Amino acid sequence: MDRKEVLKSPEYWTAKTQIELYNQAESFMKETGRNKTQLAEYLGVSKGYVSQLLNGDYDHRLSKFFELSLAFGVIPQIDFIPVGKYVSDDACSKQFKNIALPNANFVEWNDGEIHVSYSMKSNEIMCPVNTDTPKNAA
């Protein structure tokens, strides 16, 4: 199965969402100093339920997914993107992942105790949108 087929698979998106919810639960436990038992008490669920959550052995109702996310102090964002566009953007992001910005400035600051470095980075992916795009366009 190639990546394009994987991205069209419901199992991929289910697993991806379960992993992200797991990551949010782990972050919440770490930030608040809670263990699994305390997390279960906080959520008002059994320890077994928390174990299922942390083992990825669950398939929540959508309402429960939002309830858990909000309990962890995060708001899930769900975007509905046409499959073809997502697959195309995914392929493009792999191809153009680490393009340097020629006019990026690098700044360093050091007061003797603290050393901080800053650099410019773009999170935007600039992929051609059609075949009529000039080849020398950046």
N, C-alpha and C. Protein backbone atom coordinates (compact mmCIF):
# COMPACT_ATOMS: atom_id res chain seq x y z
N MET A 1 0.86 -1.17 0.00
CA MET A 1 0.00 0.00 0.00
C MET A 1 0.90 1.24 0.00
N ASP A 2 0.73 2.12 -0.99
CA ASP A 2 1.55 3.33 -1.01
C ASP A 2 0.91 4.42 -0.15
N ARG A 3 1.65 5.51 0.04
CA ARG A 3 1.19 6.58 0.94
C ARG A 3 -0.14 7.16 0.49
N LYS A 4 -0.33 7.30 -0.79
CA LYS A 4 -1.59 7.84 -1.31
C LYS A 4 -2.77 6.97 -0.87
N GLU A 5 -2.60 5.66 -0.93
CA GLU A 5 -3.66 4.74 -0.51
C GLU A 5 -3.86 4.80 1.00
N VAL A 6 -2.74 4.91 1.75
CA VAL A 6 -2.82 5.00 3.21
C VAL A 6 -3.63 6.23 3.62
N LEU A 7 -3.37 7.37 2.96
CA LEU A 7 -4.07 8.61 3.31
C LEU A 7 -5.57 8.53 3.02
N LYS A 8 -5.98 7.59 2.20
CA LYS A 8 -7.39 7.41 1.89
C LYS A 8 -8.04 6.34 2.77
N SER A 9 -7.29 5.82 3.73
CA SER A 9 -7.77 4.74 4.58
C SER A 9 -8.39 5.26 5.87
N PRO A 10 -9.61 4.83 6.22
CA PRO A 10 -10.22 5.24 7.49
C PRO A 10 -9.39 4.79 8.69
N GLU A 11 -8.73 3.65 8.56
CA GLU A 11 -7.91 3.14 9.67
C GLU A 11 -6.75 4.08 9.97
N TYR A 12 -6.16 4.67 8.93
CA TYR A 12 -5.06 5.62 9.13
C TYR A 12 -5.54 6.81 9.96
N TRP A 13 -6.68 7.39 9.58
CA TRP A 13 -7.17 8.58 10.27
C TRP A 13 -7.64 8.26 11.68
N THR A 14 -8.19 7.06 11.89
CA THR A 14 -8.58 6.64 13.24
C THR A 14 -7.34 6.52 14.11
N ALA A 15 -6.31 5.83 13.61
CA ALA A 15 -5.07 5.66 14.38
C ALA A 15 -4.39 7.00 14.63
N LYS A 16 -4.36 7.86 13.63
CA LYS A 16 -3.73 9.18 13.79
C LYS A 16 -4.43 9.99 14.88
N THR A 17 -5.74 9.94 14.91
CA THR A 17 -6.51 10.66 15.92
C THR A 17 -6.31 10.04 17.30
N GLN A 18 -6.28 8.72 17.38
CA GLN A 18 -6.04 8.05 18.66
C GLN A 18 -4.66 8.40 19.20
N ILE A 19 -3.67 8.44 18.34
CA ILE A 19 -2.31 8.79 18.76
C ILE A 19 -2.27 10.22 19.27
N GLU A 20 -2.94 11.13 18.59
CA GLU A 20 -2.94 12.53 19.03
C GLU A 20 -3.66 12.68 20.37
N LEU A 21 -4.77 11.97 20.55
CA LEU A 21 -5.47 12.03 21.83
C LEU A 21 -4.59 11.44 22.94
N TYR A 22 -3.89 10.36 22.65
CA TYR A 22 -2.93 9.78 23.59
C TYR A 22 -1.86 10.82 23.96
N ASN A 23 -1.29 11.49 22.95
CA ASN A 23 -0.27 12.51 23.20
C ASN A 23 -0.80 13.62 24.10
N GLN A 24 -2.05 14.02 23.87
CA GLN A 24 -2.65 15.07 24.69
C GLN A 24 -2.84 14.59 26.12
N ALA A 25 -3.26 13.34 26.29
CA ALA A 25 -3.44 12.77 27.63
C ALA A 25 -2.11 12.71 28.36
N GLU A 26 -1.07 12.24 27.69
CA GLU A 26 0.26 12.16 28.30
C GLU A 26 0.77 13.55 28.68
N SER A 27 0.61 14.52 27.80
CA SER A 27 1.05 15.89 28.09
C SER A 27 0.30 16.45 29.29
N PHE A 28 -1.02 16.21 29.32
CA PHE A 28 -1.84 16.70 30.42
C PHE A 28 -1.40 16.08 31.73
N MET A 29 -1.14 14.77 31.74
CA MET A 29 -0.70 14.10 32.96
C MET A 29 0.65 14.67 33.42
N LYS A 30 1.55 14.88 32.48
CA LYS A 30 2.87 15.41 32.83
C LYS A 30 2.77 16.83 33.37
N GLU A 31 2.00 17.69 32.69
CA GLU A 31 1.87 19.09 33.08
C GLU A 31 1.17 19.25 34.42
N THR A 32 0.23 18.36 34.73
CA THR A 32 -0.54 18.49 35.98
C THR A 32 -0.05 17.56 37.07
N GLY A 33 0.96 16.74 36.78
CA GLY A 33 1.51 15.83 37.77
C GLY A 33 0.56 14.71 38.17
N ARG A 34 -0.33 14.34 37.28
CA ARG A 34 -1.29 13.27 37.58
C ARG A 34 -0.78 11.92 37.09
N ASN A 35 -1.11 10.88 37.84
CA ASN A 35 -0.87 9.52 37.37
C ASN A 35 -2.17 8.99 36.75
N LYS A 36 -2.18 7.74 36.33
CA LYS A 36 -3.36 7.17 35.67
C LYS A 36 -4.58 7.16 36.58
N THR A 37 -4.37 6.83 37.84
CA THR A 37 -5.49 6.79 38.79
C THR A 37 -6.08 8.18 38.98
N GLN A 38 -5.21 9.17 39.14
CA GLN A 38 -5.67 10.55 39.32
C GLN A 38 -6.34 11.08 38.06
N LEU A 39 -5.83 10.67 36.90
CA LEU A 39 -6.47 11.08 35.65
C LEU A 39 -7.87 10.49 35.55
N ALA A 40 -8.02 9.24 35.94
CA ALA A 40 -9.34 8.59 35.92
C ALA A 40 -10.30 9.34 36.84
N GLU A 41 -9.84 9.70 38.03
CA GLU A 41 -10.69 10.46 38.96
C GLU A 41 -11.07 11.81 38.37
N TYR A 42 -10.11 12.50 37.77
CA TYR A 42 -10.35 13.81 37.17
C TYR A 42 -11.39 13.72 36.05
N LEU A 43 -11.27 12.68 35.23
CA LEU A 43 -12.19 12.51 34.10
C LEU A 43 -13.52 11.88 34.50
N GLY A 44 -13.57 11.30 35.69
CA GLY A 44 -14.78 10.63 36.13
C GLY A 44 -15.01 9.31 35.42
N VAL A 45 -13.91 8.62 35.13
CA VAL A 45 -13.99 7.33 34.45
C VAL A 45 -13.20 6.30 35.25
N SER A 46 -13.27 5.05 34.84
CA SER A 46 -12.54 3.99 35.55
C SER A 46 -11.06 4.00 35.14
N LYS A 47 -10.24 3.37 35.98
CA LYS A 47 -8.82 3.23 35.64
C LYS A 47 -8.66 2.38 34.38
N GLY A 48 -9.55 1.40 34.22
CA GLY A 48 -9.52 0.57 33.02
C GLY A 48 -9.74 1.38 31.75
N TYR A 49 -10.64 2.36 31.84
CA TYR A 49 -10.91 3.22 30.69
C TYR A 49 -9.67 4.03 30.35
N VAL A 50 -9.00 4.57 31.38
CA VAL A 50 -7.77 5.34 31.15
C VAL A 50 -6.71 4.43 30.54
N SER A 51 -6.61 3.20 31.01
CA SER A 51 -5.66 2.25 30.42
C SER A 51 -5.96 2.01 28.95
N GLN A 52 -7.24 1.86 28.61
CA GLN A 52 -7.61 1.70 27.20
C GLN A 52 -7.21 2.92 26.40
N LEU A 53 -7.46 4.10 26.96
CA LEU A 53 -7.11 5.35 26.29
C LEU A 53 -5.62 5.40 26.01
N LEU A 54 -4.82 5.08 27.02
CA LEU A 54 -3.37 5.19 26.89
C LEU A 54 -2.76 4.03 26.09
N ASN A 55 -3.50 2.95 25.93
CA ASN A 55 -3.03 1.82 25.11
C ASN A 55 -3.54 1.91 23.67
N GLY A 56 -4.39 2.90 23.38
CA GLY A 56 -4.95 3.04 22.04
C GLY A 56 -6.00 1.99 21.73
N ASP A 57 -6.51 1.33 22.77
CA ASP A 57 -7.48 0.25 22.59
C ASP A 57 -8.89 0.77 22.84
N TYR A 58 -9.34 1.66 21.96
CA TYR A 58 -10.66 2.25 22.13
C TYR A 58 -11.13 2.81 20.80
N ASP A 59 -12.39 3.10 20.71
CA ASP A 59 -12.97 3.76 19.55
C ASP A 59 -14.08 4.65 20.08
N HIS A 60 -13.72 5.86 20.47
CA HIS A 60 -14.65 6.78 21.14
C HIS A 60 -15.75 7.28 20.21
N ARG A 61 -16.88 7.59 20.83
CA ARG A 61 -17.88 8.38 20.13
C ARG A 61 -17.27 9.76 19.92
N LEU A 62 -17.71 10.45 18.92
CA LEU A 62 -17.19 11.78 18.64
C LEU A 62 -17.40 12.72 19.82
N SER A 63 -18.56 12.63 20.48
CA SER A 63 -18.83 13.49 21.62
C SER A 63 -17.84 13.22 22.76
N LYS A 64 -17.46 11.96 22.97
CA LYS A 64 -16.49 11.62 24.01
C LYS A 64 -15.10 12.14 23.65
N PHE A 65 -14.76 12.08 22.38
CA PHE A 65 -13.49 12.61 21.90
C PHE A 65 -13.37 14.10 22.25
N PHE A 66 -14.43 14.86 21.98
CA PHE A 66 -14.41 16.29 22.30
C PHE A 66 -14.39 16.52 23.81
N GLU A 67 -15.13 15.72 24.54
CA GLU A 67 -15.16 15.84 26.00
C GLU A 67 -13.76 15.61 26.58
N LEU A 68 -13.08 14.57 26.13
CA LEU A 68 -11.73 14.29 26.63
C LEU A 68 -10.75 15.39 26.23
N SER A 69 -10.82 15.83 24.99
CA SER A 69 -9.93 16.89 24.52
C SER A 69 -10.06 18.14 25.38
N LEU A 70 -11.29 18.56 25.61
CA LEU A 70 -11.53 19.75 26.43
C LEU A 70 -11.07 19.54 27.86
N ALA A 71 -11.24 18.34 28.40
CA ALA A 71 -10.76 18.04 29.75
C ALA A 71 -9.24 18.15 29.83
N PHE A 72 -8.54 17.87 28.72
CA PHE A 72 -7.09 18.00 28.68
C PHE A 72 -6.65 19.43 28.39
N GLY A 73 -7.62 20.33 28.23
CA GLY A 73 -7.30 21.74 28.02
C GLY A 73 -6.94 22.09 26.60
N VAL A 74 -7.36 21.26 25.65
CA VAL A 74 -7.07 21.54 24.24
C VAL A 74 -8.36 21.47 23.43
N ILE A 75 -8.37 22.19 22.34
CA ILE A 75 -9.52 22.19 21.44
C ILE A 75 -9.11 21.48 20.16
N PRO A 76 -9.77 20.37 19.84
CA PRO A 76 -9.43 19.69 18.59
C PRO A 76 -9.99 20.47 17.40
N GLN A 77 -9.22 20.54 16.35
CA GLN A 77 -9.70 21.19 15.14
C GLN A 77 -9.81 20.12 14.07
N ILE A 78 -10.95 20.06 13.45
CA ILE A 78 -11.16 19.09 12.39
C ILE A 78 -11.41 19.87 11.11
N ASP A 79 -10.58 19.61 10.12
CA ASP A 79 -10.72 20.26 8.83
C ASP A 79 -11.18 19.23 7.81
N PHE A 80 -12.11 19.60 6.98
CA PHE A 80 -12.56 18.73 5.92
C PHE A 80 -11.93 19.21 4.63
N ILE A 81 -10.99 18.42 4.13
CA ILE A 81 -10.20 18.78 2.96
C ILE A 81 -10.44 17.71 1.89
N PRO A 82 -10.67 18.11 0.66
CA PRO A 82 -10.84 17.09 -0.39
C PRO A 82 -9.63 16.15 -0.42
N VAL A 83 -9.89 14.86 -0.56
CA VAL A 83 -8.83 13.85 -0.51
C VAL A 83 -7.73 14.16 -1.53
N GLY A 84 -8.11 14.49 -2.75
CA GLY A 84 -7.13 14.78 -3.79
C GLY A 84 -6.20 15.92 -3.42
N LYS A 85 -6.76 16.98 -2.83
CA LYS A 85 -5.94 18.12 -2.41
C LYS A 85 -4.99 17.72 -1.30
N TYR A 86 -5.47 16.95 -0.32
CA TYR A 86 -4.62 16.54 0.79
C TYR A 86 -3.47 15.67 0.30
N VAL A 87 -3.77 14.70 -0.57
CA VAL A 87 -2.74 13.82 -1.12
C VAL A 87 -1.72 14.63 -1.91
N SER A 88 -2.20 15.56 -2.73
CA SER A 88 -1.31 16.41 -3.52
C SER A 88 -0.43 17.28 -2.63
N ASP A 89 -1.03 17.92 -1.62
CA ASP A 89 -0.27 18.76 -0.70
C ASP A 89 0.75 17.94 0.09
N ASP A 90 0.37 16.72 0.47
CA ASP A 90 1.28 15.84 1.21
C ASP A 90 2.49 15.49 0.36
N ALA A 91 2.26 15.15 -0.90
CA ALA A 91 3.36 14.81 -1.81
C ALA A 91 4.25 16.03 -2.04
N CYS A 92 3.62 17.18 -2.19
CA CYS A 92 4.37 18.42 -2.41
C CYS A 92 5.22 18.77 -1.20
N SER A 93 4.66 18.61 0.00
CA SER A 93 5.41 18.96 1.21
C SER A 93 6.63 18.07 1.37
N LYS A 94 6.55 16.83 0.92
CA LYS A 94 7.71 15.93 0.97
C LYS A 94 8.79 16.40 -0.01
N GLN A 95 8.35 16.86 -1.18
CA GLN A 95 9.28 17.28 -2.23
C GLN A 95 9.97 18.60 -1.88
N PHE A 96 9.24 19.54 -1.28
CA PHE A 96 9.77 20.88 -1.04
C PHE A 96 10.02 21.13 0.44
N LYS A 97 10.31 20.10 1.22
CA LYS A 97 10.35 20.20 2.68
C LYS A 97 11.37 21.19 3.22
N ASN A 98 12.60 21.13 2.80
CA ASN A 98 13.66 21.93 3.42
C ASN A 98 14.28 22.93 2.46
N ILE A 99 13.47 23.80 1.94
CA ILE A 99 13.98 24.83 1.04
C ILE A 99 14.44 26.01 1.89
N ALA A 100 15.68 26.44 1.67
CA ALA A 100 16.23 27.56 2.43
C ALA A 100 15.62 28.87 1.95
N LEU A 101 15.47 29.79 2.87
CA LEU A 101 15.01 31.14 2.53
C LEU A 101 16.25 31.99 2.34
N PRO A 102 16.55 32.43 1.10
CA PRO A 102 17.81 33.12 0.83
C PRO A 102 17.98 34.43 1.59
N ASN A 103 16.91 35.11 1.94
CA ASN A 103 17.02 36.39 2.64
C ASN A 103 16.72 36.28 4.12
N ALA A 104 16.77 35.07 4.66
CA ALA A 104 16.47 34.88 6.09
C ALA A 104 17.61 35.44 6.93
N ASN A 105 17.26 36.11 7.99
CA ASN A 105 18.25 36.67 8.90
C ASN A 105 18.42 35.75 10.10
N PHE A 106 19.65 35.64 10.57
CA PHE A 106 19.94 34.86 11.76
C PHE A 106 20.47 35.83 12.80
N VAL A 107 19.85 35.86 13.96
CA VAL A 107 20.21 36.82 15.00
C VAL A 107 20.58 36.06 16.26
N GLU A 108 21.67 36.48 16.89
CA GLU A 108 22.07 35.88 18.17
C GLU A 108 22.15 36.97 19.21
N TRP A 109 21.81 36.61 20.44
CA TRP A 109 21.88 37.54 21.56
C TRP A 109 22.49 36.79 22.73
N ASN A 110 23.45 37.42 23.39
CA ASN A 110 24.13 36.78 24.50
C ASN A 110 24.43 37.84 25.55
N ASP A 111 23.87 37.68 26.75
CA ASP A 111 24.14 38.64 27.82
C ASP A 111 25.10 38.06 28.86
N GLY A 112 25.79 36.99 28.51
CA GLY A 112 26.72 36.36 29.43
C GLY A 112 26.12 35.17 30.14
N GLU A 113 24.84 35.24 30.47
CA GLU A 113 24.17 34.13 31.16
C GLU A 113 23.21 33.39 30.23
N ILE A 114 22.57 34.14 29.39
CA ILE A 114 21.57 33.55 28.50
C ILE A 114 22.01 33.76 27.06
N HIS A 115 21.98 32.71 26.29
CA HIS A 115 22.31 32.78 24.87
C HIS A 115 21.07 32.37 24.08
N VAL A 116 20.62 33.25 23.23
CA VAL A 116 19.41 32.98 22.45
C VAL A 116 19.72 33.16 20.98
N SER A 117 19.25 32.24 20.16
CA SER A 117 19.42 32.33 18.71
C SER A 117 18.05 32.33 18.05
N TYR A 118 17.90 33.14 17.05
CA TYR A 118 16.65 33.21 16.30
C TYR A 118 16.96 33.03 14.83
N SER A 119 16.08 32.39 14.13
CA SER A 119 16.22 32.31 12.69
C SER A 119 14.83 32.37 12.07
N MET A 120 14.77 32.76 10.83
CA MET A 120 13.50 32.86 10.13
C MET A 120 13.17 31.50 9.54
N LYS A 121 11.95 31.08 9.70
CA LYS A 121 11.49 29.80 9.14
C LYS A 121 10.08 30.00 8.61
N SER A 122 9.83 29.44 7.49
CA SER A 122 8.49 29.53 6.91
C SER A 122 7.78 28.20 7.08
N ASN A 123 6.55 28.25 7.58
CA ASN A 123 5.73 27.05 7.69
C ASN A 123 4.84 26.86 6.47
N GLU A 124 4.87 27.82 5.58
CA GLU A 124 4.04 27.74 4.39
C GLU A 124 4.70 26.85 3.36
N ILE A 125 3.91 26.06 2.70
CA ILE A 125 4.40 25.21 1.63
C ILE A 125 4.01 25.88 0.33
N MET A 126 4.98 26.21 -0.46
CA MET A 126 4.73 26.89 -1.71
C MET A 126 4.87 25.88 -2.85
N CYS A 127 3.80 25.23 -3.17
CA CYS A 127 3.81 24.22 -4.22
C CYS A 127 3.11 24.78 -5.45
N PRO A 128 3.58 24.38 -6.61
CA PRO A 128 2.88 24.81 -7.82
C PRO A 128 1.43 24.33 -7.79
N VAL A 129 0.52 25.18 -8.24
CA VAL A 129 -0.89 24.82 -8.22
C VAL A 129 -1.38 24.26 -9.55
N ASN A 130 -0.62 24.50 -10.62
CA ASN A 130 -0.99 23.90 -11.90
C ASN A 130 0.25 23.79 -12.78
N THR A 131 0.10 23.16 -13.92
CA THR A 131 1.26 22.92 -14.79
C THR A 131 1.68 24.16 -15.55
N ASP A 132 0.90 25.25 -15.50
CA ASP A 132 1.26 26.47 -16.20
C ASP A 132 2.20 27.36 -15.38
N THR A 133 2.55 26.94 -14.17
CA THR A 133 3.44 27.73 -13.32
C THR A 133 4.83 27.76 -13.93
N PRO A 134 5.42 28.97 -14.07
CA PRO A 134 6.78 29.04 -14.62
C PRO A 134 7.75 28.23 -13.76
N LYS A 135 8.70 27.58 -14.40
CA LYS A 135 9.64 26.72 -13.69
C LYS A 135 10.58 27.50 -12.78
N ASN A 136 10.83 28.78 -13.07
CA ASN A 136 11.75 29.55 -12.23
C ASN A 136 11.03 30.33 -11.13
N ALA A 137 9.74 30.11 -10.97
CA ALA A 137 9.00 30.81 -9.91
C ALA A 137 9.36 30.19 -8.57
N ALA A 138 9.48 31.05 -7.56
CA ALA A 138 9.85 30.55 -6.23
C ALA A 138 8.64 30.39 -5.37
